[in-house]
Protein backbone atom coordinates (compact mmCIF):
# COMPACT_ATOMS: atom_id res chain seq x y z
CA GLN A 1 -0.73 12.11 -16.03
CA VAL A 2 -1.31 9.91 -13.00
CA GLN A 3 0.99 10.25 -10.00
CA PHE A 4 1.26 8.26 -6.77
CA VAL A 5 3.21 9.55 -3.77
CA GLU A 6 3.79 7.12 -0.90
CA SER A 7 4.77 8.08 2.64
CA GLY A 8 4.84 6.73 6.18
CA GLY A 9 7.51 4.05 6.04
CA GLY A 10 10.27 3.61 8.56
CA LEU A 11 12.09 1.27 10.92
CA VAL A 12 9.93 -0.69 13.35
CA GLN A 13 10.47 -3.64 15.67
CA PRO A 14 8.71 -6.97 15.13
CA GLY A 15 5.16 -6.76 16.44
CA GLY A 16 4.99 -3.03 15.82
CA SER A 17 2.72 -0.99 13.59
CA LEU A 18 2.96 1.53 10.77
CA ARG A 19 0.45 3.39 8.64
CA LEU A 20 1.33 4.11 5.04
CA SER A 21 -0.35 6.83 3.00
CA CYS A 22 -0.73 7.28 -0.74
CA SER A 23 -1.68 10.57 -2.34
CA VAL A 24 -3.08 10.28 -5.87
CA SER A 25 -3.21 12.95 -8.55
CA GLY A 26 -4.34 12.88 -12.17
CA VAL A 27 -7.27 10.51 -11.56
CA PHE A 28 -10.28 12.72 -12.01
CA ILE A 29 -12.95 10.22 -10.89
CA PHE A 30 -11.04 8.71 -8.01
CA ARG A 31 -14.12 7.28 -6.28
CA ILE A 32 -14.49 4.60 -8.98
CA PHE A 33 -10.76 3.91 -9.39
CA PRO A 34 -9.70 0.59 -7.80
CA MET A 35 -6.44 0.82 -5.85
CA GLY A 36 -3.77 -1.51 -4.54
CA TRP A 37 -0.76 -1.57 -2.28
CA TYR A 38 2.25 -3.52 -3.54
CA ARG A 39 5.64 -4.38 -2.09
CA GLN A 40 9.00 -5.53 -3.36
CA ALA A 41 11.58 -7.14 -1.12
CA PRO A 42 15.26 -7.38 -2.11
CA GLY A 43 15.79 -10.06 -4.73
CA LYS A 44 12.06 -10.72 -5.13
CA GLN A 45 9.34 -9.70 -7.54
CA ARG A 46 6.86 -7.00 -6.74
CA GLU A 47 3.67 -8.45 -5.26
CA LEU A 48 0.18 -7.19 -4.53
CA VAL A 49 -0.53 -7.25 -0.80
CA ALA A 50 -3.89 -5.46 -0.58
CA SER A 51 -6.52 -4.03 -2.91
CA ILE A 52 -9.65 -1.95 -2.53
CA SER A 53 -12.46 -1.18 -4.95
CA GLY A 54 -13.96 2.24 -5.45
CA GLY A 55 -16.80 1.15 -3.17
CA GLY A 56 -14.46 0.00 -0.40
CA GLU A 57 -14.37 -3.78 -0.89
CA ALA A 58 -10.94 -5.00 0.27
CA ASN A 59 -8.87 -8.09 -0.49
CA TYR A 60 -5.54 -9.23 0.96
CA ALA A 61 -2.70 -11.56 0.20
CA ASP A 62 -2.62 -14.58 2.52
CA SER A 63 0.69 -13.42 3.96
CA VAL A 64 -0.84 -10.23 5.42
CA LYS A 65 -4.46 -11.24 6.02
CA GLY A 66 -5.57 -10.36 9.52
CA ARG A 67 -2.65 -7.99 10.07
CA PHE A 68 -3.04 -5.31 7.37
CA THR A 69 -6.02 -3.09 6.61
CA ILE A 70 -6.45 -1.04 3.43
CA PHE A 71 -8.80 1.93 3.31
CA ARG A 72 -9.41 4.99 1.18
CA ASP A 73 -10.68 8.55 1.43
CA ASN A 74 -12.25 9.46 -1.88
CA ALA A 75 -12.70 13.12 -0.95
CA LYS A 76 -8.98 13.47 -0.23
CA LYS A 77 -7.92 11.11 -3.05
CA THR A 78 -5.82 8.96 -0.75
CA ALA A 79 -5.38 5.26 -0.06
CA SER A 80 -3.83 4.05 3.18
CA LEU A 81 -2.44 0.80 4.55
CA GLN A 82 -2.54 0.12 8.28
CA MET A 83 0.07 -2.51 9.14
CA ASP A 84 -0.06 -4.25 12.52
CA SER A 85 1.87 -7.18 14.00
CA LEU A 86 4.70 -6.53 11.60
CA GLU A 87 7.18 -9.30 10.89
CA PRO A 88 10.71 -9.24 9.45
CA GLU A 89 9.28 -10.81 6.28
CA ASP A 90 7.28 -7.62 5.73
CA THR A 91 10.49 -5.69 5.04
CA ALA A 92 10.19 -4.20 1.56
CA VAL A 93 9.63 -1.07 -0.44
CA TYR A 94 5.89 -0.42 -0.52
CA TYR A 95 4.13 1.15 -3.50
CA CYS A 96 0.59 2.16 -4.34
CA ASN A 97 -0.97 2.08 -7.78
CA GLY A 98 -4.15 1.20 -9.57
CA ASN A 99 -5.31 -2.40 -9.50
CA PRO A 100 -5.54 -4.10 -11.92
CA THR A 101 -5.03 -1.12 -14.23
CA ARG A 102 -1.66 0.36 -13.29
CA SER A 103 0.20 3.48 -14.26
CA ASN A 104 3.78 4.61 -13.63
CA TRP A 105 5.24 3.60 -10.28
CA GLY A 106 6.12 6.18 -7.66
CA GLN A 107 9.21 6.21 -5.48
CA GLY A 108 7.70 3.92 -2.86
CA THR A 109 8.35 4.04 0.87
CA GLN A 110 10.77 1.78 2.73
CA VAL A 111 9.48 -0.42 5.55
CA THR A 112 12.10 -2.20 7.64
CA VAL A 113 11.05 -4.60 10.40
CA SER A 114 14.01 -5.52 12.57
CA SER A 115 15.01 -5.86 16.19
């Protein structure tokens, strides 16, 4: 079984920052497992916002490029998302999973950007 547990969300004002964390279990060779962070806003489809290869190569959706940074710690089997200059449009439930090969979704963590 593969399990993803997200944490770190909360309420933040526009322009603020948050760091999300994802703990992964059940992936026995995590260092070669490509990861992604996804989000789903109310009434919208889930979308990929950032991805990272096992070797650390990162890619970002245009909507978050320059504001978000994805990184991973292969020894700890975690993937994190640093979010800066947050905007109300970033409000969503954020999930981590494999990319492009995905398993079951975790509970996600709520990010709300509002004044």
